[in-house]
Amino acid sequence: MKITIGTTIKASVDKTWNSFNSAEHIVHWNFASPDWHCPKASVDLTVGGKFCNTMASKDGSMAFDFEGSYTEIRPNEFLAFALGDGRIVTVSFREENGVTILEETFDAEDENTAEMQRQGWQNILNNFKSYTENL
C-alpha cells in the first residue's frame, strides 16, 4: 500500500529543496513529536548516494536510523529513494505563485497502521514546513 501526504510551503522551491536535502537543516525538523529530535543527519545527494538521519527520543530511551539511498534526483523537482528495508519513497516539489507544493508518497510498512504512519510522516512534514518558512 502506498500512502501520500503533502503540504504547501511559503518559500521558493530552491529554499524548500535545500532545507529538505541538507543535513544542516534536517536535524532541525526531522521528528514527529516534540519529545523526539534528530541529533545527526548525513546526506550524499547523488544517485546511489546514501542518507542517514538518526531519530531519537529526547529522554534517551529510544533511537533509530532512518536511512536509504537515492535512486532518482531532479533538483528542485523530484526525489526518489529506497529505504533500508526496500520500501520506496518519492517526493515532488512544484513552485506555484511563490509557494512550493511538496508531495511525498511512500510504501507503507507492516508494523503500524496506515493511519499511524500517515500521521507520523505528516507530523514530520508539518515540522519541515514550519522550519523552512521561518528560515
Protein backbone atom coordinates (compact mmCIF):
# COMPACT_ATOMS: atom_id res chain seq x y z
CA MET A 1 0.00 0.00 0.00
CA LYS A 2 1.20 3.48 -0.87
CA ILE A 3 0.48 6.50 1.34
CA THR A 4 0.61 10.09 0.08
CA ILE A 5 0.96 13.19 2.22
CA GLY A 6 1.67 16.80 1.33
CA THR A 7 1.92 20.43 2.30
CA THR A 8 2.29 23.90 0.84
CA ILE A 9 5.34 25.85 1.97
CA LYS A 10 5.53 29.65 1.79
CA ALA A 11 9.02 29.59 0.30
CA SER A 12 10.70 29.25 -3.07
CA VAL A 13 11.31 25.78 -4.45
CA ASP A 14 15.07 26.39 -4.21
CA LYS A 15 14.87 27.20 -0.48
CA THR A 16 12.49 24.27 0.10
CA TRP A 17 14.73 21.82 -1.77
CA ASN A 18 17.79 22.96 0.19
CA SER A 19 16.03 22.69 3.54
CA PHE A 20 14.72 19.21 2.69
CA ASN A 21 18.05 17.84 1.47
CA SER A 22 20.79 19.46 3.62
CA ALA A 23 21.97 17.72 6.78
CA GLU A 24 22.47 21.09 8.48
CA HIS A 25 18.70 21.70 8.15
CA ILE A 26 17.36 18.13 8.54
CA VAL A 27 18.46 17.98 12.19
CA HIS A 28 16.07 20.88 12.95
CA TRP A 29 12.84 19.36 11.58
CA ASN A 30 13.08 15.58 11.13
CA PHE A 31 10.99 14.26 14.05
CA ALA A 32 7.29 13.54 14.55
CA SER A 33 6.69 14.94 18.05
CA PRO A 34 8.25 17.45 20.46
CA ASP A 35 9.65 14.68 22.70
CA TRP A 36 11.85 13.45 19.81
CA HIS A 37 14.71 15.06 17.91
CA CYS A 38 17.16 14.35 15.09
CA PRO A 39 20.63 14.59 16.63
CA LYS A 40 22.53 13.51 13.47
CA ALA A 41 21.98 13.59 9.71
CA SER A 42 24.19 12.80 6.74
CA VAL A 43 23.34 13.25 3.06
CA ASP A 44 25.12 12.25 -0.15
CA LEU A 45 22.63 13.73 -2.61
CA THR A 46 23.73 11.75 -5.67
CA VAL A 47 22.09 8.81 -7.43
CA GLY A 48 23.32 5.81 -5.45
CA GLY A 49 24.32 8.12 -2.59
CA LYS A 50 23.13 7.34 0.91
CA PHE A 51 21.45 9.33 3.65
CA CYS A 52 21.12 8.53 7.33
CA ASN A 53 19.06 10.51 9.83
CA THR A 54 19.14 9.49 13.48
CA MET A 55 15.78 9.94 15.17
CA ALA A 56 15.82 9.70 18.96
CA SER A 57 13.62 10.32 21.96
CA LYS A 58 14.89 13.28 23.96
CA ASP A 59 14.92 11.18 27.15
CA GLY A 60 17.39 8.77 25.51
CA SER A 61 15.14 5.71 25.80
CA MET A 62 14.81 5.05 22.04
CA ALA A 63 16.66 5.82 18.82
CA PHE A 64 16.82 4.54 15.27
CA ASP A 65 18.43 5.43 11.97
CA PHE A 66 16.16 6.36 9.06
CA GLU A 67 18.35 5.54 6.09
CA GLY A 68 18.37 4.70 2.44
CA SER A 69 19.85 5.50 -0.94
CA TYR A 70 18.79 7.85 -3.72
CA THR A 71 17.53 6.28 -6.96
CA GLU A 72 16.47 9.42 -8.88
CA ILE A 73 17.23 13.11 -8.40
CA ARG A 74 15.92 16.04 -10.43
CA PRO A 75 17.00 19.16 -8.50
CA ASN A 76 14.12 21.37 -7.31
CA GLU A 77 11.60 18.91 -8.83
CA PHE A 78 11.76 15.28 -7.72
CA LEU A 79 13.50 12.76 -5.46
CA ALA A 80 13.14 9.01 -5.25
CA PHE A 81 14.90 6.83 -2.71
CA ALA A 82 14.84 3.29 -1.38
CA LEU A 83 14.77 2.86 2.38
CA GLY A 84 16.98 0.31 4.09
CA ASP A 85 14.08 -2.17 4.18
CA GLY A 86 13.42 -1.78 0.43
CA ARG A 87 10.38 0.48 0.63
CA ILE A 88 10.26 3.26 -1.97
CA VAL A 89 9.66 6.95 -1.29
CA THR A 90 9.08 9.68 -3.88
CA VAL A 91 9.00 13.42 -3.20
CA SER A 92 7.84 16.05 -5.69
CA PHE A 93 8.44 19.79 -5.44
CA ARG A 94 6.40 22.25 -7.50
CA GLU A 95 6.53 26.04 -7.24
CA GLU A 96 3.35 27.97 -7.95
CA ASN A 97 2.76 31.66 -7.27
CA GLY A 98 5.69 31.96 -4.86
CA VAL A 99 4.88 28.89 -2.76
CA THR A 100 6.13 25.31 -3.04
CA ILE A 101 3.79 22.35 -3.12
CA LEU A 102 5.52 19.27 -1.73
CA GLU A 103 4.02 15.80 -2.08
CA GLU A 104 5.53 12.67 -0.58
CA THR A 105 4.45 9.11 -1.40
CA PHE A 106 5.82 6.12 0.48
CA ASP A 107 5.29 2.39 0.70
CA ALA A 108 3.62 1.52 3.99
CA GLU A 109 5.31 -0.89 6.37
CA ASP A 110 3.54 -3.77 8.11
CA GLU A 111 4.28 -2.93 11.75
CA ASN A 112 2.00 0.11 12.26
CA THR A 113 -1.44 1.01 10.94
CA ALA A 114 -1.65 3.06 7.74
CA GLU A 115 -3.26 5.93 9.67
CA MET A 116 -0.47 5.95 12.28
CA GLN A 117 2.14 6.02 9.50
CA ARG A 118 0.29 8.76 7.62
CA GLN A 119 0.05 10.88 10.79
CA GLY A 120 3.69 10.36 11.78
CA TRP A 121 5.04 11.26 8.34
CA GLN A 122 2.63 14.23 8.11
CA ASN A 123 3.80 15.48 11.53
CA ILE A 124 7.40 15.43 10.27
CA LEU A 125 6.32 17.26 7.11
CA ASN A 126 4.49 19.86 9.24
CA ASN A 127 7.73 20.42 11.23
CA PHE A 128 9.56 20.79 7.91
CA LYS A 129 7.04 23.38 6.68
CA SER A 130 7.31 25.42 9.90
CA TYR A 131 11.09 25.27 9.97
CA THR A 132 11.52 26.17 6.29
CA GLU A 133 9.06 29.05 6.37
CA ASN A 134 10.92 30.54 9.35
CA LEU A 135 14.47 30.21 7.98
